[in-house]
N, C-alpha and C. Protein backbone atom coordinates (compact mmCIF):
# COMPACT_ATOMS: atom_id res chain seq x y z
N SER A 1 6.71 0.70 1.32
CA SER A 1 5.84 1.84 1.58
C SER A 1 6.08 2.98 0.60
N GLU A 2 7.24 2.96 -0.09
CA GLU A 2 7.47 3.98 -1.11
C GLU A 2 8.42 3.42 -2.17
N TYR A 3 8.15 3.81 -3.41
CA TYR A 3 8.90 3.37 -4.58
C TYR A 3 9.21 4.63 -5.37
N VAL A 4 10.49 4.93 -5.54
CA VAL A 4 10.90 6.12 -6.28
C VAL A 4 11.58 5.65 -7.55
N GLU A 5 10.96 5.93 -8.69
CA GLU A 5 11.55 5.63 -10.00
C GLU A 5 11.74 6.98 -10.67
N GLY A 6 12.79 7.66 -10.23
CA GLY A 6 13.02 9.03 -10.67
C GLY A 6 13.95 9.12 -11.86
N SER A 7 14.34 10.34 -12.15
CA SER A 7 15.23 10.59 -13.28
C SER A 7 16.62 10.02 -12.99
N SER A 8 17.30 9.64 -14.03
CA SER A 8 18.67 9.13 -13.95
C SER A 8 18.75 8.00 -12.91
N PHE A 9 19.61 8.16 -11.90
CA PHE A 9 19.79 7.13 -10.88
C PHE A 9 18.98 7.42 -9.61
N ASN A 10 18.03 8.31 -9.66
CA ASN A 10 17.22 8.64 -8.50
C ASN A 10 16.18 7.54 -8.27
N LYS A 11 16.64 6.46 -7.67
CA LYS A 11 15.80 5.29 -7.44
C LYS A 11 15.95 4.86 -5.99
N ALA A 12 14.82 4.56 -5.35
CA ALA A 12 14.85 4.14 -3.95
C ALA A 12 13.62 3.30 -3.63
N ILE A 13 13.77 2.45 -2.65
CA ILE A 13 12.67 1.66 -2.08
C ILE A 13 12.67 1.92 -0.58
N GLU A 14 11.48 2.20 -0.06
CA GLU A 14 11.31 2.40 1.38
C GLU A 14 10.48 1.25 1.93
N VAL A 15 10.96 0.63 3.00
CA VAL A 15 10.27 -0.46 3.67
C VAL A 15 9.84 0.04 5.04
N ALA A 16 8.55 -0.06 5.34
CA ALA A 16 8.02 0.41 6.63
C ALA A 16 7.73 -0.77 7.55
N ASN A 17 7.87 -0.53 8.84
CA ASN A 17 7.52 -1.52 9.84
C ASN A 17 6.32 -1.01 10.62
N ALA A 18 5.17 -1.65 10.43
CA ALA A 18 3.96 -1.32 11.17
C ALA A 18 3.47 -2.55 11.92
N THR A 19 4.42 -3.38 12.39
CA THR A 19 4.06 -4.65 13.03
C THR A 19 3.74 -4.52 14.52
N GLY A 20 4.16 -3.41 15.14
CA GLY A 20 3.98 -3.27 16.58
C GLY A 20 5.21 -3.69 17.36
N SER A 21 6.22 -4.24 16.67
CA SER A 21 7.46 -4.69 17.32
C SER A 21 8.65 -4.40 16.42
N PRO A 22 9.85 -4.35 16.99
CA PRO A 22 11.04 -4.21 16.13
C PRO A 22 11.20 -5.43 15.23
N VAL A 23 11.80 -5.23 14.06
CA VAL A 23 12.04 -6.33 13.12
C VAL A 23 13.53 -6.43 12.85
N ASP A 24 14.07 -7.65 12.97
CA ASP A 24 15.46 -7.92 12.61
C ASP A 24 15.50 -8.09 11.10
N LEU A 25 16.18 -7.19 10.42
CA LEU A 25 16.19 -7.20 8.95
C LEU A 25 17.17 -8.22 8.35
N SER A 26 17.93 -8.93 9.17
CA SER A 26 18.95 -9.83 8.64
C SER A 26 18.38 -10.99 7.82
N SER A 27 17.10 -11.28 7.96
CA SER A 27 16.50 -12.35 7.15
C SER A 27 15.67 -11.79 5.98
N TYR A 28 15.84 -10.49 5.69
CA TYR A 28 15.09 -9.84 4.62
C TYR A 28 16.01 -9.44 3.47
N GLN A 29 15.42 -9.40 2.28
CA GLN A 29 16.15 -8.95 1.10
C GLN A 29 15.19 -8.36 0.09
N LEU A 30 15.74 -7.49 -0.75
CA LEU A 30 15.01 -6.96 -1.91
C LEU A 30 15.49 -7.72 -3.13
N GLU A 31 14.55 -8.06 -3.99
CA GLU A 31 14.87 -8.76 -5.24
C GLU A 31 14.28 -7.98 -6.40
N TYR A 32 15.07 -7.79 -7.45
CA TYR A 32 14.62 -7.09 -8.65
C TYR A 32 14.56 -8.09 -9.79
N TYR A 33 13.38 -8.19 -10.39
CA TYR A 33 13.12 -9.09 -11.51
C TYR A 33 13.01 -8.24 -12.76
N PHE A 34 14.06 -8.22 -13.58
CA PHE A 34 14.12 -7.34 -14.74
C PHE A 34 13.40 -7.90 -15.95
N ASN A 35 12.64 -7.05 -16.62
CA ASN A 35 12.06 -7.33 -17.94
C ASN A 35 11.27 -8.62 -18.02
N GLY A 36 10.48 -8.92 -17.02
CA GLY A 36 9.62 -10.09 -17.04
C GLY A 36 10.30 -11.40 -16.66
N ASN A 37 11.52 -11.35 -16.18
CA ASN A 37 12.21 -12.58 -15.76
C ASN A 37 11.52 -13.20 -14.55
N SER A 38 11.62 -14.51 -14.44
CA SER A 38 11.02 -15.20 -13.30
C SER A 38 12.04 -15.48 -12.20
N SER A 39 13.29 -15.06 -12.41
CA SER A 39 14.34 -15.16 -11.40
C SER A 39 14.92 -13.77 -11.16
N PRO A 40 15.28 -13.47 -9.92
CA PRO A 40 15.82 -12.12 -9.65
C PRO A 40 17.20 -11.94 -10.28
N SER A 41 17.42 -10.76 -10.84
CA SER A 41 18.73 -10.42 -11.40
C SER A 41 19.58 -9.67 -10.39
N THR A 42 18.94 -9.00 -9.46
CA THR A 42 19.63 -8.29 -8.38
C THR A 42 18.97 -8.66 -7.06
N THR A 43 19.81 -8.99 -6.08
CA THR A 43 19.33 -9.27 -4.73
C THR A 43 20.14 -8.42 -3.77
N ILE A 44 19.46 -7.71 -2.89
CA ILE A 44 20.11 -6.82 -1.93
C ILE A 44 19.71 -7.25 -0.53
N ALA A 45 20.69 -7.74 0.24
CA ALA A 45 20.43 -8.17 1.61
C ALA A 45 20.28 -6.94 2.51
N LEU A 46 19.29 -6.99 3.39
CA LEU A 46 19.07 -5.93 4.37
C LEU A 46 19.71 -6.34 5.69
N SER A 47 19.98 -5.38 6.55
CA SER A 47 20.59 -5.70 7.84
C SER A 47 20.17 -4.65 8.87
N GLY A 48 20.39 -4.99 10.11
CA GLY A 48 20.05 -4.08 11.20
C GLY A 48 18.69 -4.39 11.77
N SER A 49 18.24 -3.51 12.63
CA SER A 49 16.93 -3.65 13.26
C SER A 49 16.07 -2.46 12.84
N LEU A 50 14.82 -2.73 12.57
CA LEU A 50 13.88 -1.68 12.16
C LEU A 50 12.81 -1.56 13.23
N ALA A 51 12.81 -0.43 13.93
CA ALA A 51 11.85 -0.19 15.01
C ALA A 51 10.43 -0.09 14.46
N ASP A 52 9.47 -0.42 15.30
CA ASP A 52 8.07 -0.25 14.91
C ASP A 52 7.82 1.22 14.58
N GLY A 53 7.15 1.46 13.46
CA GLY A 53 6.84 2.82 13.04
C GLY A 53 7.95 3.49 12.25
N ASP A 54 9.07 2.80 12.08
CA ASP A 54 10.20 3.38 11.36
C ASP A 54 10.24 2.81 9.94
N VAL A 55 11.11 3.38 9.12
CA VAL A 55 11.30 2.92 7.75
C VAL A 55 12.78 2.68 7.48
N PHE A 56 13.04 1.88 6.45
CA PHE A 56 14.39 1.58 5.99
C PHE A 56 14.41 1.89 4.51
N VAL A 57 15.33 2.76 4.09
CA VAL A 57 15.39 3.20 2.70
C VAL A 57 16.64 2.65 2.03
N VAL A 58 16.43 1.98 0.89
CA VAL A 58 17.52 1.48 0.06
C VAL A 58 17.52 2.31 -1.21
N ALA A 59 18.70 2.84 -1.56
CA ALA A 59 18.79 3.73 -2.72
C ALA A 59 20.00 3.38 -3.58
N SER A 60 19.93 3.80 -4.82
CA SER A 60 21.07 3.69 -5.72
C SER A 60 22.20 4.56 -5.18
N ALA A 61 23.42 4.03 -5.20
CA ALA A 61 24.58 4.79 -4.73
C ALA A 61 24.83 6.03 -5.57
N SER A 62 24.24 6.09 -6.76
CA SER A 62 24.41 7.24 -7.66
C SER A 62 23.21 8.19 -7.63
N ALA A 63 22.32 8.02 -6.66
CA ALA A 63 21.15 8.89 -6.55
C ALA A 63 21.57 10.30 -6.14
N SER A 64 20.61 11.22 -6.18
CA SER A 64 20.87 12.61 -5.79
C SER A 64 21.30 12.69 -4.33
N ALA A 65 21.95 13.79 -3.98
CA ALA A 65 22.39 14.02 -2.60
C ALA A 65 21.21 14.00 -1.64
N GLU A 66 20.04 14.48 -2.08
CA GLU A 66 18.84 14.50 -1.22
C GLU A 66 18.39 13.08 -0.88
N ILE A 67 18.42 12.19 -1.85
CA ILE A 67 18.04 10.79 -1.59
C ILE A 67 19.11 10.11 -0.74
N LEU A 68 20.37 10.31 -1.06
CA LEU A 68 21.45 9.68 -0.30
C LEU A 68 21.44 10.10 1.16
N ALA A 69 21.02 11.32 1.45
CA ALA A 69 20.96 11.80 2.83
C ALA A 69 19.90 11.06 3.65
N ILE A 70 18.91 10.50 2.99
CA ILE A 70 17.82 9.78 3.65
C ILE A 70 18.09 8.28 3.71
N ALA A 71 18.88 7.76 2.79
CA ALA A 71 19.08 6.32 2.63
C ALA A 71 19.75 5.68 3.84
N ASP A 72 19.26 4.49 4.20
CA ASP A 72 19.89 3.67 5.22
C ASP A 72 20.92 2.74 4.61
N LEU A 73 20.73 2.42 3.34
CA LEU A 73 21.62 1.52 2.61
C LEU A 73 21.69 2.00 1.17
N THR A 74 22.89 2.10 0.64
CA THR A 74 23.06 2.43 -0.77
C THR A 74 23.78 1.26 -1.44
N THR A 75 23.52 1.11 -2.72
CA THR A 75 24.13 0.01 -3.45
C THR A 75 24.42 0.43 -4.88
N GLY A 76 25.49 -0.12 -5.42
CA GLY A 76 25.84 0.10 -6.81
C GLY A 76 25.23 -0.96 -7.71
N SER A 77 24.47 -1.89 -7.12
CA SER A 77 23.81 -2.93 -7.91
C SER A 77 22.82 -2.31 -8.88
N SER A 78 22.51 -3.01 -9.93
CA SER A 78 21.51 -2.54 -10.90
C SER A 78 20.19 -2.31 -10.19
N PHE A 79 19.55 -1.18 -10.50
CA PHE A 79 18.26 -0.85 -9.92
C PHE A 79 17.17 -1.03 -10.96
N PHE A 80 15.94 -1.00 -10.52
CA PHE A 80 14.76 -1.21 -11.34
C PHE A 80 14.45 -0.01 -12.21
N ASN A 81 13.62 -0.24 -13.23
CA ASN A 81 12.93 0.84 -13.91
C ASN A 81 11.46 0.46 -13.94
N GLY A 82 10.64 1.15 -14.66
CA GLY A 82 9.19 1.00 -14.57
C GLY A 82 8.60 -0.35 -14.91
N ASP A 83 9.34 -1.21 -15.61
CA ASP A 83 8.75 -2.50 -16.00
C ASP A 83 9.37 -3.68 -15.26
N ASP A 84 10.02 -3.42 -14.14
CA ASP A 84 10.68 -4.48 -13.36
C ASP A 84 9.95 -4.71 -12.05
N ALA A 85 9.73 -5.97 -11.70
CA ALA A 85 9.09 -6.31 -10.43
C ALA A 85 10.11 -6.17 -9.30
N VAL A 86 9.63 -5.68 -8.15
CA VAL A 86 10.46 -5.53 -6.95
C VAL A 86 9.79 -6.33 -5.84
N VAL A 87 10.58 -7.21 -5.20
CA VAL A 87 10.04 -8.09 -4.16
C VAL A 87 10.78 -7.85 -2.85
N LEU A 88 10.02 -7.74 -1.76
CA LEU A 88 10.58 -7.79 -0.42
C LEU A 88 10.33 -9.20 0.08
N ARG A 89 11.42 -9.90 0.40
CA ARG A 89 11.33 -11.28 0.86
C ARG A 89 11.90 -11.35 2.26
N GLY A 90 11.22 -12.08 3.15
CA GLY A 90 11.67 -12.28 4.52
C GLY A 90 11.61 -13.74 4.90
N SER A 91 12.72 -14.28 5.38
CA SER A 91 12.80 -15.70 5.76
C SER A 91 12.30 -16.60 4.63
N GLY A 92 12.60 -16.23 3.40
CA GLY A 92 12.24 -17.04 2.23
C GLY A 92 10.85 -16.77 1.67
N ALA A 93 9.99 -16.10 2.41
CA ALA A 93 8.62 -15.85 1.96
C ALA A 93 8.49 -14.45 1.37
N ILE A 94 7.64 -14.31 0.38
CA ILE A 94 7.36 -13.00 -0.19
C ILE A 94 6.51 -12.21 0.81
N ILE A 95 6.99 -11.02 1.16
CA ILE A 95 6.28 -10.13 2.07
C ILE A 95 5.47 -9.12 1.27
N ASP A 96 6.07 -8.62 0.18
CA ASP A 96 5.40 -7.61 -0.64
C ASP A 96 6.01 -7.60 -2.03
N VAL A 97 5.19 -7.23 -3.02
CA VAL A 97 5.62 -7.16 -4.41
C VAL A 97 5.08 -5.89 -5.04
N ILE A 98 5.95 -5.22 -5.78
CA ILE A 98 5.53 -4.15 -6.68
C ILE A 98 5.74 -4.71 -8.08
N GLY A 99 4.69 -4.85 -8.83
CA GLY A 99 4.77 -5.48 -10.15
C GLY A 99 4.29 -6.91 -10.10
N GLN A 100 4.66 -7.66 -11.12
CA GLN A 100 4.26 -9.06 -11.24
C GLN A 100 5.47 -9.86 -11.72
N ILE A 101 5.89 -10.82 -10.93
CA ILE A 101 7.05 -11.65 -11.28
C ILE A 101 6.75 -12.45 -12.54
N GLY A 102 7.71 -12.45 -13.48
CA GLY A 102 7.59 -13.24 -14.70
C GLY A 102 6.72 -12.61 -15.77
N PHE A 103 6.35 -11.34 -15.60
CA PHE A 103 5.49 -10.66 -16.57
C PHE A 103 6.12 -9.31 -16.91
N ASP A 104 6.23 -9.02 -18.19
CA ASP A 104 6.73 -7.73 -18.64
C ASP A 104 5.53 -6.90 -19.10
N PRO A 105 5.21 -5.81 -18.41
CA PRO A 105 4.03 -5.02 -18.74
C PRO A 105 4.22 -4.08 -19.93
N GLY A 106 5.40 -4.11 -20.53
CA GLY A 106 5.74 -3.14 -21.57
C GLY A 106 6.65 -2.11 -20.95
N SER A 107 6.13 -0.94 -20.63
CA SER A 107 6.98 0.09 -20.02
C SER A 107 6.66 0.33 -18.55
N GLU A 108 5.45 -0.05 -18.09
CA GLU A 108 5.06 0.27 -16.71
C GLU A 108 3.79 -0.47 -16.31
N TRP A 109 3.58 -0.53 -14.99
CA TRP A 109 2.29 -0.94 -14.45
C TRP A 109 1.56 0.34 -14.06
N GLY A 110 0.27 0.42 -14.33
CA GLY A 110 -0.52 1.58 -13.97
C GLY A 110 -0.51 2.64 -15.05
N ALA A 111 -1.01 3.82 -14.69
CA ALA A 111 -1.10 4.92 -15.65
C ALA A 111 -0.98 6.25 -14.91
N GLY A 112 -0.58 7.28 -15.64
CA GLY A 112 -0.44 8.61 -15.05
C GLY A 112 0.57 8.60 -13.93
N ASN A 113 0.34 9.43 -12.91
CA ASN A 113 1.26 9.46 -11.77
C ASN A 113 1.23 8.18 -10.95
N THR A 114 0.14 7.43 -11.03
CA THR A 114 0.05 6.18 -10.27
C THR A 114 0.53 5.03 -11.16
N SER A 115 1.76 5.16 -11.62
CA SER A 115 2.39 4.11 -12.41
C SER A 115 3.81 3.92 -11.92
N THR A 116 4.44 2.87 -12.39
CA THR A 116 5.77 2.51 -11.91
C THR A 116 6.90 3.09 -12.75
N GLN A 117 6.59 3.88 -13.76
CA GLN A 117 7.66 4.48 -14.57
C GLN A 117 7.69 5.99 -14.39
N ASN A 118 8.86 6.51 -14.06
CA ASN A 118 9.09 7.95 -13.92
C ASN A 118 8.15 8.60 -12.92
N ASN A 119 7.87 7.90 -11.83
CA ASN A 119 6.99 8.40 -10.77
C ASN A 119 7.45 7.92 -9.42
N THR A 120 6.86 8.50 -8.41
CA THR A 120 6.97 8.01 -7.04
C THR A 120 5.59 7.48 -6.67
N ILE A 121 5.55 6.28 -6.10
CA ILE A 121 4.29 5.78 -5.56
C ILE A 121 4.49 5.49 -4.07
N ARG A 122 3.46 5.86 -3.28
CA ARG A 122 3.49 5.66 -1.84
C ARG A 122 2.30 4.81 -1.43
N ARG A 123 2.55 3.86 -0.56
CA ARG A 123 1.50 2.98 -0.07
C ARG A 123 0.47 3.81 0.65
N GLN A 124 -0.80 3.58 0.35
CA GLN A 124 -1.88 4.28 1.03
C GLN A 124 -1.83 3.98 2.52
N THR A 125 -2.14 4.98 3.35
CA THR A 125 -1.97 4.84 4.80
C THR A 125 -2.84 3.74 5.41
N GLY A 126 -3.96 3.41 4.79
CA GLY A 126 -4.83 2.36 5.32
C GLY A 126 -4.42 0.96 4.92
N VAL A 127 -3.38 0.83 4.10
CA VAL A 127 -2.91 -0.50 3.67
C VAL A 127 -1.74 -0.89 4.55
N CYS A 128 -1.93 -1.95 5.34
CA CYS A 128 -0.91 -2.35 6.30
C CYS A 128 -0.36 -3.75 6.06
N VAL A 129 -0.84 -4.40 5.01
CA VAL A 129 -0.37 -5.74 4.67
C VAL A 129 0.05 -5.73 3.21
N GLY A 130 1.24 -6.23 2.93
CA GLY A 130 1.76 -6.25 1.56
C GLY A 130 1.10 -7.30 0.69
N ASP A 131 1.39 -7.24 -0.59
CA ASP A 131 0.92 -8.22 -1.58
C ASP A 131 1.92 -9.37 -1.60
N SER A 132 1.56 -10.49 -1.03
CA SER A 132 2.48 -11.63 -0.92
C SER A 132 2.38 -12.59 -2.09
N ASP A 133 1.59 -12.27 -3.10
CA ASP A 133 1.45 -13.12 -4.29
C ASP A 133 2.15 -12.45 -5.46
N GLY A 134 3.34 -12.91 -5.78
CA GLY A 134 4.13 -12.33 -6.85
C GLY A 134 3.62 -12.65 -8.24
N SER A 135 2.65 -13.55 -8.35
CA SER A 135 2.15 -13.94 -9.68
C SER A 135 0.84 -13.25 -10.05
N ASP A 136 0.22 -12.54 -9.11
CA ASP A 136 -1.06 -11.90 -9.42
C ASP A 136 -0.86 -10.60 -10.20
N ALA A 137 -1.89 -10.18 -10.90
CA ALA A 137 -1.85 -8.93 -11.66
C ALA A 137 -1.62 -7.77 -10.70
N PHE A 138 -0.88 -6.76 -11.16
CA PHE A 138 -0.55 -5.62 -10.32
C PHE A 138 -1.14 -4.35 -10.88
N ASP A 139 -1.95 -3.69 -10.06
CA ASP A 139 -2.51 -2.38 -10.39
C ASP A 139 -2.13 -1.45 -9.25
N PRO A 140 -1.16 -0.55 -9.47
CA PRO A 140 -0.72 0.31 -8.38
C PRO A 140 -1.85 1.13 -7.76
N ALA A 141 -2.85 1.52 -8.52
CA ALA A 141 -3.92 2.36 -7.99
C ALA A 141 -4.72 1.68 -6.89
N ALA A 142 -4.65 0.35 -6.78
CA ALA A 142 -5.40 -0.37 -5.76
C ALA A 142 -4.88 -0.11 -4.35
N GLN A 143 -3.56 0.11 -4.20
CA GLN A 143 -3.00 0.28 -2.86
C GLN A 143 -1.98 1.42 -2.76
N TRP A 144 -1.76 2.13 -3.85
CA TRP A 144 -0.71 3.14 -3.89
C TRP A 144 -1.26 4.48 -4.37
N ASP A 145 -0.67 5.56 -3.88
CA ASP A 145 -0.96 6.90 -4.38
C ASP A 145 0.22 7.33 -5.24
N GLY A 146 -0.06 8.03 -6.35
CA GLY A 146 0.98 8.43 -7.28
C GLY A 146 1.39 9.88 -7.14
N PHE A 147 2.68 10.11 -7.39
CA PHE A 147 3.26 11.45 -7.32
C PHE A 147 4.22 11.63 -8.48
N ALA A 148 4.59 12.86 -8.74
CA ALA A 148 5.45 13.18 -9.88
C ALA A 148 6.84 12.56 -9.73
N GLN A 149 7.52 12.49 -10.85
CA GLN A 149 8.90 11.99 -10.88
C GLN A 149 9.77 12.81 -9.94
N ASP A 150 10.64 12.15 -9.22
CA ASP A 150 11.60 12.76 -8.28
C ASP A 150 10.95 13.41 -7.07
N ASP A 151 9.67 13.10 -6.79
CA ASP A 151 9.03 13.60 -5.58
C ASP A 151 9.46 12.71 -4.41
N ILE A 152 10.28 13.26 -3.54
CA ILE A 152 10.75 12.50 -2.37
C ILE A 152 10.36 13.20 -1.08
N THR A 153 9.28 13.98 -1.12
CA THR A 153 8.88 14.77 0.05
C THR A 153 8.58 13.91 1.28
N ASP A 154 8.13 12.67 1.09
CA ASP A 154 7.84 11.80 2.24
C ASP A 154 8.82 10.64 2.37
N LEU A 155 9.84 10.58 1.52
CA LEU A 155 10.81 9.50 1.63
C LEU A 155 11.52 9.60 2.99
N GLY A 156 11.55 8.49 3.69
CA GLY A 156 12.17 8.46 5.02
C GLY A 156 11.16 8.44 6.15
N SER A 157 9.87 8.48 5.81
CA SER A 157 8.82 8.36 6.83
C SER A 157 7.57 7.78 6.18
N HIS A 158 6.78 7.09 6.97
CA HIS A 158 5.53 6.54 6.46
C HIS A 158 4.54 6.44 7.62
N THR A 159 3.31 6.81 7.34
CA THR A 159 2.24 6.69 8.32
C THR A 159 1.29 5.60 7.88
N ALA A 160 1.07 4.64 8.75
CA ALA A 160 0.11 3.58 8.49
C ALA A 160 -0.99 3.68 9.53
N THR A 161 -2.23 3.57 9.08
CA THR A 161 -3.37 3.64 9.98
C THR A 161 -3.88 2.22 10.18
N LEU A 162 -3.49 1.61 11.28
CA LEU A 162 -3.90 0.23 11.57
C LEU A 162 -5.32 0.18 12.11
N SER A 163 -6.09 -0.77 11.60
CA SER A 163 -7.38 -1.05 12.22
C SER A 163 -7.19 -2.18 13.22
N VAL A 164 -8.15 -2.43 14.04
CA VAL A 164 -8.04 -3.51 15.01
C VAL A 164 -7.76 -4.84 14.33
N SER A 165 -8.43 -5.12 13.20
CA SER A 165 -8.21 -6.40 12.52
C SER A 165 -6.84 -6.45 11.86
N ASP A 166 -6.29 -5.32 11.39
CA ASP A 166 -4.97 -5.30 10.79
C ASP A 166 -3.88 -5.61 11.81
N SER A 167 -4.04 -5.17 13.03
CA SER A 167 -3.00 -5.32 14.03
C SER A 167 -2.98 -6.70 14.66
N GLY A 168 -3.98 -7.52 14.38
CA GLY A 168 -4.03 -8.85 14.94
C GLY A 168 -4.61 -8.89 16.34
N ASN A 169 -5.17 -7.80 16.81
CA ASN A 169 -5.74 -7.73 18.15
C ASN A 169 -7.25 -7.86 18.12
N ASN A 170 -7.78 -8.87 17.42
CA ASN A 170 -9.22 -9.01 17.27
C ASN A 170 -9.86 -9.18 18.62
């Protein structure tokens, strides 16, 4: 639900739960695919339970005090920059992807504030299902809103507007 590619080590990923039920995070992980690689170079296991409507924030252990105060998990593992794909995987399946696995876009995906380099991008409130195809082209403007570098004003919370068809209650 949020991707922070800020200055220095100010990097974080926020995962939101809009499923209607708590989620056991023990079968979930974040994977970072650096520089167009088709295999992850960093894998971060998630843990705990994530209540419906809540978020889980993973941040660099060297991030600013403001980001660390919000983080649920910090890690000294290598973090992404603007040209690295980030995957949320659950029970072996891709749940969501920022970027495109196996493709190096140069320096970033997107343009201006709605890009993956030196910006914060937040999932649009009407988007409640992630991109489960890691091989498709990635345009952040399709599902994300862009903000300036180091903008963490909404990190730690996310609002999703579910429609009847999104919630599975047809």
